[in-house]
Amino acid sequence: MEGYLMPVLLLALHILQLFNHINPCTATGKTNTQYIKRSCSVTIYPRLCYHSLSIYAGKIKTDPKVLAHTALNVTLAATQESSVIMRRLSEIHGLKPIETAAVLDCMEEIGDAIDELQQSLDELGHVGRGSNFWFQMSDIQTWVSAALTDEDTCMDGFEEHHLRGRVEAVVRRYTVNVAHLTSNALALINSYASSKAALP
């Protein structure tokens, strides 16, 4: 039995060694994640950028448009999740009316941000290299910038009335995360536009 197993084990080890040397996925995967890390260096929150996008490295590869599109997708999903959380918060019994009003105001701002991010995502999907490229990119940058403004405005009701506590802390945590993701997405969109400008 041992005489039979030894050649099989040696063959398996040889195949594994060959696979490790010729497997392109490892090198490619490393190149893709390095590309994301390098691209995220232009953002204000590079660690968040990398951690939120590196799991999509196989899809993004080294394509700046796909990178920007994925960043917008991740941002939109996080913003939608924040809206759901805020809706649940607004329905909690026992909240002070002023807290409920502040949450609802924030929800409205986040709702506007969702619409603007969705518009940006749709438009980016149609962006080509034709004469409309810069017009389309300008629209996208305007919408994402508006979404960022809405997210920043979200906390105004809490700030105005000096509201503190668990509700304010939850809203702030989600809003800050979404604002940071949006800021990163905008930076990657700008980077994508710049990469096109550099082409002959």
N, C-alpha and C. Protein backbone atom coordinates (compact mmCIF):
# COMPACT_ATOMS: atom_id res chain seq x y z
N MET A 1 0.83 -1.20 0.00
CA MET A 1 0.00 0.00 0.00
C MET A 1 0.87 1.27 0.00
N GLU A 2 1.94 1.24 0.87
CA GLU A 2 2.83 2.39 0.93
C GLU A 2 3.55 2.60 -0.40
N GLY A 3 3.91 1.48 -1.07
CA GLY A 3 4.58 1.58 -2.35
C GLY A 3 3.70 2.20 -3.41
N TYR A 4 2.39 2.05 -3.26
CA TYR A 4 1.44 2.63 -4.22
C TYR A 4 1.21 4.11 -3.92
N LEU A 5 1.12 4.44 -2.62
CA LEU A 5 0.79 5.81 -2.23
C LEU A 5 1.92 6.79 -2.52
N MET A 6 3.16 6.34 -2.34
CA MET A 6 4.28 7.25 -2.48
C MET A 6 4.35 7.92 -3.86
N PRO A 7 4.25 7.16 -4.97
CA PRO A 7 4.28 7.81 -6.29
C PRO A 7 3.11 8.77 -6.49
N VAL A 8 1.94 8.40 -5.95
CA VAL A 8 0.75 9.25 -6.08
C VAL A 8 0.97 10.56 -5.35
N LEU A 9 1.50 10.48 -4.13
CA LEU A 9 1.76 11.69 -3.34
C LEU A 9 2.80 12.58 -4.01
N LEU A 10 3.84 11.94 -4.56
CA LEU A 10 4.88 12.70 -5.25
C LEU A 10 4.32 13.40 -6.48
N LEU A 11 3.45 12.69 -7.22
CA LEU A 11 2.83 13.27 -8.41
C LEU A 11 1.94 14.45 -8.02
N ALA A 12 1.17 14.28 -6.94
CA ALA A 12 0.29 15.35 -6.48
C ALA A 12 1.09 16.57 -6.06
N LEU A 13 2.21 16.33 -5.37
CA LEU A 13 3.07 17.43 -4.93
C LEU A 13 3.67 18.15 -6.13
N HIS A 14 4.07 17.38 -7.14
CA HIS A 14 4.64 17.96 -8.35
C HIS A 14 3.61 18.84 -9.07
N ILE A 15 2.39 18.33 -9.17
CA ILE A 15 1.32 19.09 -9.84
C ILE A 15 1.03 20.38 -9.08
N LEU A 16 1.01 20.28 -7.73
CA LEU A 16 0.76 21.46 -6.91
C LEU A 16 1.85 22.50 -7.10
N GLN A 17 3.10 22.05 -7.17
CA GLN A 17 4.20 22.98 -7.38
C GLN A 17 4.09 23.66 -8.74
N LEU A 18 3.74 22.87 -9.76
CA LEU A 18 3.56 23.44 -11.09
C LEU A 18 2.44 24.47 -11.09
N PHE A 19 1.34 24.13 -10.40
CA PHE A 19 0.18 25.02 -10.36
C PHE A 19 0.55 26.35 -9.70
N ASN A 20 1.33 26.26 -8.63
CA ASN A 20 1.73 27.48 -7.92
C ASN A 20 2.61 28.37 -8.79
N HIS A 21 3.38 27.75 -9.67
CA HIS A 21 4.27 28.54 -10.53
C HIS A 21 3.54 29.14 -11.72
N ILE A 22 2.57 28.42 -12.24
CA ILE A 22 1.94 28.88 -13.49
C ILE A 22 0.56 29.48 -13.29
N ASN A 23 0.00 29.35 -12.08
CA ASN A 23 -1.35 29.88 -11.85
C ASN A 23 -1.38 31.39 -12.07
N PRO A 24 -2.11 31.89 -13.07
CA PRO A 24 -2.11 33.31 -13.36
C PRO A 24 -2.99 34.10 -12.42
N CYS A 25 -3.91 33.42 -11.73
CA CYS A 25 -4.89 34.12 -10.91
C CYS A 25 -4.23 34.86 -9.76
N THR A 26 -3.22 34.25 -9.17
CA THR A 26 -2.56 34.86 -8.02
C THR A 26 -1.92 36.18 -8.42
N ALA A 27 -1.14 36.16 -9.48
CA ALA A 27 -0.46 37.37 -9.94
C ALA A 27 -1.47 38.41 -10.42
N THR A 28 -2.47 37.95 -11.15
CA THR A 28 -3.48 38.87 -11.66
C THR A 28 -4.26 39.50 -10.52
N GLY A 29 -4.65 38.65 -9.55
CA GLY A 29 -5.40 39.16 -8.40
C GLY A 29 -4.61 40.20 -7.64
N LYS A 30 -3.31 39.96 -7.49
CA LYS A 30 -2.45 40.91 -6.79
C LYS A 30 -2.34 42.21 -7.57
N THR A 31 -2.23 42.10 -8.89
CA THR A 31 -2.17 43.30 -9.73
C THR A 31 -3.45 44.12 -9.60
N ASN A 32 -4.59 43.42 -9.59
CA ASN A 32 -5.89 44.11 -9.49
C ASN A 32 -6.04 44.84 -8.16
N THR A 33 -5.67 44.18 -7.07
CA THR A 33 -5.80 44.82 -5.76
C THR A 33 -4.80 45.97 -5.60
N GLN A 34 -3.63 45.80 -6.19
CA GLN A 34 -2.65 46.89 -6.16
C GLN A 34 -3.17 48.10 -6.94
N TYR A 35 -3.85 47.83 -8.05
CA TYR A 35 -4.43 48.91 -8.84
C TYR A 35 -5.47 49.68 -8.02
N ILE A 36 -6.30 48.93 -7.29
CA ILE A 36 -7.32 49.58 -6.46
C ILE A 36 -6.67 50.41 -5.36
N LYS A 37 -5.66 49.84 -4.72
CA LYS A 37 -4.96 50.57 -3.65
C LYS A 37 -4.33 51.84 -4.19
N ARG A 38 -3.70 51.74 -5.34
CA ARG A 38 -3.06 52.91 -5.96
C ARG A 38 -4.11 53.96 -6.34
N SER A 39 -5.21 53.50 -6.90
CA SER A 39 -6.28 54.42 -7.31
C SER A 39 -6.91 55.11 -6.10
N CYS A 40 -7.04 54.37 -5.00
CA CYS A 40 -7.66 54.92 -3.80
C CYS A 40 -6.79 55.97 -3.12
N SER A 41 -5.53 56.03 -3.51
CA SER A 41 -4.62 57.01 -2.88
C SER A 41 -5.02 58.45 -3.22
N VAL A 42 -5.85 58.64 -4.25
CA VAL A 42 -6.28 60.00 -4.62
C VAL A 42 -7.49 60.45 -3.80
N THR A 43 -8.06 59.53 -3.03
CA THR A 43 -9.26 59.86 -2.25
C THR A 43 -8.88 60.42 -0.88
N ILE A 44 -9.85 61.03 -0.23
CA ILE A 44 -9.62 61.57 1.11
C ILE A 44 -9.59 60.46 2.16
N TYR A 45 -10.31 59.38 1.87
CA TYR A 45 -10.40 58.26 2.82
C TYR A 45 -9.92 56.98 2.13
N PRO A 46 -8.60 56.87 1.90
CA PRO A 46 -8.07 55.75 1.11
C PRO A 46 -8.29 54.37 1.73
N ARG A 47 -8.24 54.27 3.06
CA ARG A 47 -8.44 52.96 3.69
C ARG A 47 -9.86 52.47 3.49
N LEU A 48 -10.83 53.36 3.68
CA LEU A 48 -12.23 53.00 3.45
C LEU A 48 -12.42 52.65 1.98
N CYS A 49 -11.81 53.41 1.10
CA CYS A 49 -11.90 53.17 -0.33
C CYS A 49 -11.42 51.76 -0.67
N TYR A 50 -10.24 51.44 -0.18
CA TYR A 50 -9.65 50.13 -0.49
C TYR A 50 -10.49 48.99 0.09
N HIS A 51 -10.89 49.12 1.34
CA HIS A 51 -11.65 48.04 1.99
C HIS A 51 -13.03 47.85 1.36
N SER A 52 -13.62 48.92 0.87
CA SER A 52 -14.95 48.81 0.28
C SER A 52 -14.92 48.30 -1.17
N LEU A 53 -13.76 48.41 -1.82
CA LEU A 53 -13.68 48.05 -3.24
C LEU A 53 -12.81 46.84 -3.55
N SER A 54 -11.90 46.50 -2.66
CA SER A 54 -10.95 45.42 -2.97
C SER A 54 -11.64 44.07 -3.17
N ILE A 55 -12.80 43.88 -2.54
CA ILE A 55 -13.53 42.61 -2.72
C ILE A 55 -14.07 42.46 -4.14
N TYR A 56 -14.08 43.56 -4.89
CA TYR A 56 -14.55 43.53 -6.28
C TYR A 56 -13.39 43.58 -7.27
N ALA A 57 -12.19 43.28 -6.79
CA ALA A 57 -10.99 43.40 -7.63
C ALA A 57 -11.09 42.58 -8.90
N GLY A 58 -11.67 41.38 -8.81
CA GLY A 58 -11.80 40.52 -9.99
C GLY A 58 -12.69 41.13 -11.06
N LYS A 59 -13.67 41.91 -10.64
CA LYS A 59 -14.58 42.58 -11.59
C LYS A 59 -13.96 43.88 -12.12
N ILE A 60 -13.31 44.61 -11.23
CA ILE A 60 -12.74 45.92 -11.59
C ILE A 60 -11.52 45.77 -12.49
N LYS A 61 -10.68 44.76 -12.17
CA LYS A 61 -9.41 44.57 -12.85
C LYS A 61 -8.59 45.87 -12.77
N THR A 62 -8.25 46.47 -13.89
CA THR A 62 -7.52 47.75 -13.86
C THR A 62 -8.25 48.78 -14.73
N ASP A 63 -9.57 48.72 -14.69
CA ASP A 63 -10.40 49.59 -15.53
C ASP A 63 -10.94 50.76 -14.69
N PRO A 64 -10.51 52.00 -14.97
CA PRO A 64 -10.94 53.14 -14.15
C PRO A 64 -12.44 53.41 -14.22
N LYS A 65 -13.06 53.10 -15.36
CA LYS A 65 -14.51 53.31 -15.45
C LYS A 65 -15.25 52.31 -14.59
N VAL A 66 -14.85 51.06 -14.63
CA VAL A 66 -15.49 50.03 -13.80
C VAL A 66 -15.24 50.32 -12.32
N LEU A 67 -14.05 50.84 -12.02
CA LEU A 67 -13.74 51.22 -10.64
C LEU A 67 -14.69 52.31 -10.15
N ALA A 68 -14.88 53.34 -10.95
CA ALA A 68 -15.78 54.44 -10.59
C ALA A 68 -17.22 53.95 -10.48
N HIS A 69 -17.61 53.10 -11.41
CA HIS A 69 -18.98 52.55 -11.41
C HIS A 69 -19.22 51.71 -10.16
N THR A 70 -18.23 50.90 -9.80
CA THR A 70 -18.36 50.05 -8.61
C THR A 70 -18.41 50.90 -7.35
N ALA A 71 -17.59 51.95 -7.30
CA ALA A 71 -17.60 52.85 -6.15
C ALA A 71 -18.97 53.50 -5.98
N LEU A 72 -19.58 53.89 -7.10
CA LEU A 72 -20.93 54.47 -7.05
C LEU A 72 -21.95 53.44 -6.59
N ASN A 73 -21.82 52.21 -7.07
CA ASN A 73 -22.73 51.14 -6.66
C ASN A 73 -22.65 50.88 -5.17
N VAL A 74 -21.44 50.80 -4.65
CA VAL A 74 -21.23 50.57 -3.22
C VAL A 74 -21.81 51.74 -2.41
N THR A 75 -21.60 52.95 -2.89
CA THR A 75 -22.10 54.14 -2.20
C THR A 75 -23.62 54.17 -2.20
N LEU A 76 -24.22 53.85 -3.34
CA LEU A 76 -25.68 53.84 -3.44
C LEU A 76 -26.28 52.80 -2.49
N ALA A 77 -25.69 51.62 -2.45
CA ALA A 77 -26.20 50.55 -1.56
C ALA A 77 -26.12 50.99 -0.10
N ALA A 78 -25.01 51.62 0.28
CA ALA A 78 -24.84 52.08 1.67
C ALA A 78 -25.83 53.20 1.99
N THR A 79 -26.10 54.06 1.03
CA THR A 79 -27.04 55.17 1.23
C THR A 79 -28.46 54.63 1.38
N GLN A 80 -28.81 53.65 0.58
CA GLN A 80 -30.13 53.03 0.69
C GLN A 80 -30.29 52.33 2.04
N GLU A 81 -29.25 51.67 2.49
CA GLU A 81 -29.29 51.02 3.80
C GLU A 81 -29.48 52.06 4.91
N SER A 82 -28.81 53.19 4.78
CA SER A 82 -28.95 54.26 5.77
C SER A 82 -30.38 54.78 5.82
N SER A 83 -31.00 54.89 4.66
CA SER A 83 -32.39 55.35 4.59
C SER A 83 -33.32 54.40 5.33
N VAL A 84 -33.09 53.11 5.15
CA VAL A 84 -33.91 52.09 5.84
C VAL A 84 -33.73 52.20 7.35
N ILE A 85 -32.50 52.34 7.79
CA ILE A 85 -32.21 52.47 9.23
C ILE A 85 -32.91 53.69 9.81
N MET A 86 -32.85 54.81 9.07
CA MET A 86 -33.47 56.04 9.57
C MET A 86 -34.98 55.93 9.62
N ARG A 87 -35.55 55.23 8.65
CA ARG A 87 -37.00 55.02 8.68
C ARG A 87 -37.40 54.24 9.94
N ARG A 88 -36.61 53.22 10.25
CA ARG A 88 -36.89 52.43 11.46
C ARG A 88 -36.73 53.28 12.72
N LEU A 89 -35.72 54.13 12.72
CA LEU A 89 -35.52 55.01 13.87
C LEU A 89 -36.70 55.95 14.06
N SER A 90 -37.21 56.48 12.95
CA SER A 90 -38.32 57.44 13.04
C SER A 90 -39.60 56.81 13.57
N GLU A 91 -39.67 55.48 13.51
CA GLU A 91 -40.87 54.77 13.96
C GLU A 91 -40.77 54.26 15.40
N ILE A 92 -39.64 54.54 16.05
CA ILE A 92 -39.45 54.11 17.43
C ILE A 92 -40.38 54.90 18.35
N HIS A 93 -41.12 54.19 19.17
CA HIS A 93 -42.01 54.85 20.13
C HIS A 93 -41.18 55.43 21.27
N GLY A 94 -41.57 56.58 21.74
CA GLY A 94 -40.87 57.19 22.86
C GLY A 94 -39.86 58.24 22.46
N LEU A 95 -39.67 58.42 21.15
CA LEU A 95 -38.77 59.49 20.71
C LEU A 95 -39.42 60.85 20.97
N LYS A 96 -38.60 61.83 21.28
CA LYS A 96 -39.11 63.19 21.39
C LYS A 96 -39.53 63.64 20.00
N PRO A 97 -40.61 64.42 19.91
CA PRO A 97 -41.05 64.90 18.58
C PRO A 97 -39.94 65.60 17.80
N ILE A 98 -39.10 66.33 18.52
CA ILE A 98 -38.02 67.05 17.85
C ILE A 98 -36.98 66.08 17.28
N GLU A 99 -36.78 64.93 17.95
CA GLU A 99 -35.87 63.91 17.44
C GLU A 99 -36.44 63.25 16.19
N THR A 100 -37.74 62.94 16.26
CA THR A 100 -38.40 62.34 15.09
C THR A 100 -38.32 63.27 13.90
N ALA A 101 -38.56 64.57 14.14
CA ALA A 101 -38.51 65.56 13.06
C ALA A 101 -37.11 65.62 12.45
N ALA A 102 -36.08 65.56 13.30
CA ALA A 102 -34.69 65.62 12.81
C ALA A 102 -34.36 64.39 11.97
N VAL A 103 -34.84 63.22 12.40
CA VAL A 103 -34.61 61.99 11.64
C VAL A 103 -35.31 62.06 10.29
N LEU A 104 -36.55 62.54 10.28
CA LEU A 104 -37.32 62.64 9.04
C LEU A 104 -36.68 63.64 8.08
N ASP A 105 -36.17 64.75 8.60
CA ASP A 105 -35.45 65.72 7.76
C ASP A 105 -34.22 65.07 7.13
N CYS A 106 -33.51 64.30 7.94
CA CYS A 106 -32.32 63.62 7.45
C CYS A 106 -32.69 62.60 6.38
N MET A 107 -33.80 61.88 6.62
CA MET A 107 -34.28 60.90 5.63
C MET A 107 -34.56 61.56 4.30
N GLU A 108 -35.12 62.75 4.35
CA GLU A 108 -35.43 63.47 3.11
C GLU A 108 -34.15 63.81 2.34
N GLU A 109 -33.15 64.27 3.07
CA GLU A 109 -31.86 64.59 2.44
C GLU A 109 -31.21 63.33 1.85
N ILE A 110 -31.27 62.24 2.61
CA ILE A 110 -30.70 60.98 2.14
C ILE A 110 -31.47 60.47 0.92
N GLY A 111 -32.78 60.67 0.92
CA GLY A 111 -33.59 60.29 -0.23
C GLY A 111 -33.18 61.03 -1.49
N ASP A 112 -32.90 62.32 -1.33
CA ASP A 112 -32.42 63.12 -2.47
C ASP A 112 -31.06 62.60 -2.94
N ALA A 113 -30.21 62.25 -1.98
CA ALA A 113 -28.88 61.73 -2.33
C ALA A 113 -29.00 60.42 -3.11
N ILE A 114 -29.95 59.57 -2.70
CA ILE A 114 -30.17 58.30 -3.41
C ILE A 114 -30.55 58.56 -4.87
N ASP A 115 -31.46 59.50 -5.07
CA ASP A 115 -31.88 59.84 -6.44
C ASP A 115 -30.69 60.34 -7.28
N GLU A 116 -29.88 61.19 -6.68
CA GLU A 116 -28.74 61.77 -7.40
C GLU A 116 -27.67 60.71 -7.70
N LEU A 117 -27.44 59.83 -6.76
CA LEU A 117 -26.47 58.75 -6.98
C LEU A 117 -26.96 57.79 -8.06
N GLN A 118 -28.27 57.51 -8.06
CA GLN A 118 -28.84 56.63 -9.07
C GLN A 118 -28.73 57.25 -10.46
N GLN A 119 -28.99 58.55 -10.54
CA GLN A 119 -28.83 59.25 -11.82
C GLN A 119 -27.39 59.17 -12.31
N SER A 120 -26.47 59.36 -11.38
CA SER A 120 -25.05 59.31 -11.73
C SER A 120 -24.66 57.93 -12.24
N LEU A 121 -25.15 56.92 -11.55
CA LEU A 121 -24.85 55.54 -11.92
C LEU A 121 -25.39 55.22 -13.30
N ASP A 122 -26.63 55.63 -13.55
CA ASP A 122 -27.25 55.38 -14.86
C ASP A 122 -26.48 56.09 -15.98
N GLU A 123 -26.11 57.33 -15.71
CA GLU A 123 -25.40 58.12 -16.73
C GLU A 123 -24.01 57.55 -17.00
N LEU A 124 -23.33 57.12 -15.93
CA LEU A 124 -21.99 56.55 -16.09
C LEU A 124 -22.03 55.29 -16.94
N GLY A 125 -23.13 54.56 -16.82
CA GLY A 125 -23.29 53.35 -17.62
C GLY A 125 -23.40 53.64 -19.11
N HIS A 126 -23.75 54.88 -19.46
CA HIS A 126 -23.92 55.26 -20.87
C HIS A 126 -22.77 56.11 -21.40
N VAL A 127 -21.80 56.36 -20.53
CA VAL A 127 -20.68 57.21 -20.95
C VAL A 127 -19.82 56.49 -21.98
N GLY A 128 -19.53 57.19 -23.06
CA GLY A 128 -18.66 56.64 -24.09
C GLY A 128 -17.52 57.59 -24.35
N ARG A 129 -16.90 57.43 -25.48
CA ARG A 129 -15.76 58.29 -25.82
C ARG A 129 -16.14 59.30 -26.90
N GLY A 130 -17.42 59.47 -27.10
CA GLY A 130 -17.87 60.40 -28.13
C GLY A 130 -17.80 61.85 -27.68
N SER A 131 -18.45 62.69 -28.46
CA SER A 131 -18.39 64.14 -28.20
C SER A 131 -19.15 64.52 -26.93
N ASN A 132 -20.03 63.64 -26.46
CA ASN A 132 -20.82 63.93 -25.27
C ASN A 132 -20.11 63.56 -23.98
N PHE A 133 -18.91 63.01 -24.07
CA PHE A 133 -18.24 62.49 -22.88
C PHE A 133 -18.14 63.53 -21.77
N TRP A 134 -17.61 64.71 -22.10
CA TRP A 134 -17.38 65.71 -21.05
C TRP A 134 -18.69 66.28 -20.51
N PHE A 135 -19.69 66.36 -21.37
CA PHE A 135 -21.01 66.81 -20.92
C PHE A 135 -21.59 65.81 -19.93
N GLN A 136 -21.48 64.52 -20.26
CA GLN A 136 -21.98 63.47 -19.38
C GLN A 136 -21.21 63.44 -18.05
N MET A 137 -19.90 63.55 -18.13
CA MET A 137 -19.09 63.54 -16.91
C MET A 137 -19.40 64.74 -16.03
N SER A 138 -19.65 65.87 -16.64
CA SER A 138 -20.01 67.07 -15.87
C SER A 138 -21.31 66.85 -15.10
N ASP A 139 -22.28 66.22 -15.75
CA ASP A 139 -23.55 65.91 -15.09
C ASP A 139 -23.33 64.97 -13.91
N ILE A 140 -22.52 63.94 -14.14
CA ILE A 140 -22.25 62.96 -13.09
C ILE A 140 -21.57 63.62 -11.89
N GLN A 141 -20.57 64.43 -12.17
CA GLN A 141 -19.85 65.12 -11.09
C GLN A 141 -20.78 66.05 -10.32
N THR A 142 -21.68 66.72 -11.03
CA THR A 142 -22.64 67.63 -10.39
C THR A 142 -23.58 66.85 -9.48
N TRP A 143 -24.10 65.72 -9.96
CA TRP A 143 -25.04 64.93 -9.16
C TRP A 143 -24.37 64.34 -7.91
N VAL A 144 -23.17 63.82 -8.08
CA VAL A 144 -22.49 63.22 -6.93
C VAL A 144 -22.12 64.31 -5.92
N SER A 145 -21.71 65.46 -6.40
CA SER A 145 -21.42 66.59 -5.50
C SER A 145 -22.67 67.01 -4.74
N ALA A 146 -23.82 67.01 -5.43
CA ALA A 146 -25.09 67.36 -4.79
C ALA A 146 -25.46 66.33 -3.73
N ALA A 147 -25.21 65.05 -4.02
CA ALA A 147 -25.48 63.99 -3.05
C ALA A 147 -24.64 64.19 -1.80
N LEU A 148 -23.39 64.58 -2.00
CA LEU A 148 -22.49 64.82 -0.86
C LEU A 148 -22.98 65.99 -0.02
N THR A 149 -23.47 67.01 -0.67
CA THR A 149 -24.03 68.17 0.04
C THR A 149 -25.25 67.76 0.85
N ASP A 150 -26.13 66.95 0.24
CA ASP A 150 -27.33 66.48 0.94
C ASP A 150 -26.95 65.67 2.18
N GLU A 151 -25.95 64.83 2.04
CA GLU A 151 -25.51 63.99 3.17
C GLU A 151 -24.94 64.85 4.29
N ASP A 152 -24.19 65.88 3.91
CA ASP A 152 -23.62 66.79 4.91
C ASP A 152 -24.71 67.59 5.62
N THR A 153 -25.78 67.89 4.87
CA THR A 153 -26.90 68.66 5.42
C THR A 153 -27.77 67.82 6.35
N CYS A 154 -27.67 66.52 6.21
CA CYS A 154 -28.52 65.58 6.95
C CYS A 154 -28.54 65.84 8.45
N MET A 155 -27.41 66.17 9.02
CA MET A 155 -27.30 66.33 10.47
C MET A 155 -27.71 67.71 10.96
N ASP A 156 -28.11 68.60 10.06
CA ASP A 156 -28.40 69.99 10.45
C ASP A 156 -29.47 70.08 11.53
N GLY A 157 -30.52 69.24 11.42
CA GLY A 157 -31.60 69.28 12.41
C GLY A 157 -31.11 68.93 13.80
N PHE A 158 -30.19 67.96 13.87
CA PHE A 158 -29.63 67.58 15.17
C PHE A 158 -28.72 68.67 15.71
N GLU A 159 -27.92 69.27 14.82
CA GLU A 159 -26.99 70.32 15.25
C GLU A 159 -27.75 71.57 15.71
N GLU A 160 -28.77 71.92 14.96
CA GLU A 160 -29.53 73.14 15.25
C GLU A 160 -30.15 73.10 16.63
N HIS A 161 -30.64 71.93 17.02
CA HIS A 161 -31.33 71.80 18.32
C HIS A 161 -30.44 71.14 19.38
N HIS A 162 -29.16 71.00 19.06
CA HIS A 162 -28.19 70.43 20.00
C HIS A 162 -28.65 69.08 20.54
N LEU A 163 -29.13 68.25 19.64
CA LEU A 163 -29.63 66.93 20.04
C LEU A 163 -28.48 65.95 20.14
N ARG A 164 -28.40 65.26 21.26
CA ARG A 164 -27.40 64.24 21.47
C ARG A 164 -28.08 63.00 22.03
N GLY A 165 -27.45 61.87 21.87
CA GLY A 165 -28.03 60.64 22.39
C GLY A 165 -27.87 59.51 21.41
N ARG A 166 -28.53 58.40 21.69
CA ARG A 166 -28.36 57.19 20.88
C ARG A 166 -28.85 57.38 19.45
N VAL A 167 -30.00 58.04 19.28
CA VAL A 167 -30.55 58.24 17.94
C VAL A 167 -29.60 59.09 17.10
N GLU A 168 -29.14 60.19 17.68
CA GLU A 168 -28.22 61.08 16.96
C GLU A 168 -26.93 60.34 16.62
N ALA A 169 -26.45 59.49 17.54
CA ALA A 169 -25.20 58.76 17.31
C ALA A 169 -25.34 57.77 16.16
N VAL A 170 -26.48 57.08 16.08
CA VAL A 170 -26.71 56.12 15.00
C VAL A 170 -26.80 56.85 13.66
N VAL A 171 -27.59 57.92 13.63
CA VAL A 171 -27.74 58.69 12.38
C VAL A 171 -26.40 59.25 11.93
N ARG A 172 -25.63 59.76 12.87
CA ARG A 172 -24.33 60.34 12.52
C ARG A 172 -23.39 59.26 11.96
N ARG A 173 -23.38 58.09 12.59
CA ARG A 173 -22.48 57.02 12.13
C ARG A 173 -22.79 56.63 10.69
N TYR A 174 -24.06 56.43 10.39
CA TYR A 174 -24.44 56.03 9.03
C TYR A 174 -24.21 57.16 8.04
N THR A 175 -24.53 58.38 8.44
CA THR A 175 -24.39 59.52 7.53
C THR A 175 -22.92 59.80 7.21
N VAL A 176 -22.08 59.74 8.22
CA VAL A 176 -20.64 59.98 8.00
C VAL A 176 -20.06 58.92 7.08
N ASN A 177 -20.44 57.66 7.29
CA ASN A 177 -19.94 56.59 6.43
C ASN A 177 -20.35 56.81 4.97
N VAL A 178 -21.61 57.16 4.77
CA VAL A 178 -22.12 57.40 3.42
C VAL A 178 -21.43 58.61 2.78
N ALA A 179 -21.24 59.66 3.57
CA ALA A 179 -20.57 60.85 3.05
C ALA A 179 -19.13 60.55 2.64
N HIS A 180 -18.46 59.73 3.44
CA HIS A 180 -17.08 59.36 3.10
C HIS A 180 -17.02 58.51 1.83
N LEU A 181 -17.95 57.58 1.71
CA LEU A 181 -18.02 56.76 0.49
C LEU A 181 -18.31 57.62 -0.74
N THR A 182 -19.21 58.58 -0.57
CA THR A 182 -19.57 59.47 -1.69
C THR A 182 -18.38 60.32 -2.09
N SER A 183 -17.66 60.83 -1.10
CA SER A 183 -16.46 61.62 -1.38
C SER A 183 -15.44 60.79 -2.16
N ASN A 184 -15.26 59.55 -1.75
CA ASN A 184 -14.33 58.66 -2.45
C ASN A 184 -14.78 58.40 -3.88
N ALA A 185 -16.08 58.14 -4.04
CA ALA A 185 -16.62 57.87 -5.38
C ALA A 185 -16.40 59.08 -6.30
N LEU A 186 -16.61 60.27 -5.76
CA LEU A 186 -16.42 61.48 -6.56
C LEU A 186 -14.95 61.61 -6.99
N ALA A 187 -14.04 61.31 -6.08
CA ALA A 187 -12.61 61.38 -6.41
C ALA A 187 -12.25 60.39 -7.51
N LEU A 188 -12.83 59.20 -7.47
CA LEU A 188 -12.54 58.18 -8.49
C LEU A 188 -13.18 58.54 -9.83
N ILE A 189 -14.33 59.19 -9.77
CA ILE A 189 -14.97 59.68 -10.99
C ILE A 189 -14.09 60.76 -11.64
N ASN A 190 -13.61 61.68 -10.81
CA ASN A 190 -12.72 62.72 -11.32
C ASN A 190 -11.44 62.12 -11.90
N SER A 191 -10.94 61.08 -11.25
CA SER A 191 -9.73 60.40 -11.72
C SER A 191 -9.98 59.72 -13.06
N TYR A 192 -11.16 59.12 -13.20
CA TYR A 192 -11.54 58.49 -14.48
C TYR A 192 -11.60 59.54 -15.59
N ALA A 193 -12.22 60.68 -15.31
CA ALA A 193 -12.30 61.75 -16.30
C ALA A 193 -10.91 62.24 -16.69
N SER A 194 -10.03 62.35 -15.69
CA SER A 194 -8.66 62.81 -15.97
C SER A 194 -7.90 61.82 -16.83
N SER A 195 -8.16 60.52 -16.61
CA SER A 195 -7.47 59.49 -17.40
C SER A 195 -7.89 59.57 -18.87
N LYS A 196 -9.12 59.96 -19.11
CA LYS A 196 -9.58 60.12 -20.49
C LYS A 196 -8.98 61.38 -21.12
N ALA A 197 -8.80 62.41 -20.30
CA ALA A 197 -8.22 63.65 -20.80
C ALA A 197 -6.78 63.45 -21.22
N ALA A 198 -6.12 62.50 -20.57
CA ALA A 198 -4.70 62.24 -20.88
C ALA A 198 -4.52 61.45 -22.17
N LEU A 199 -5.60 60.86 -22.68
CA LEU A 199 -5.50 60.07 -23.92
C LEU A 199 -5.38 60.98 -25.12
N PRO A 200 -4.65 60.54 -26.15
CA PRO A 200 -4.50 61.39 -27.35
C PRO A 200 -5.81 61.48 -28.12
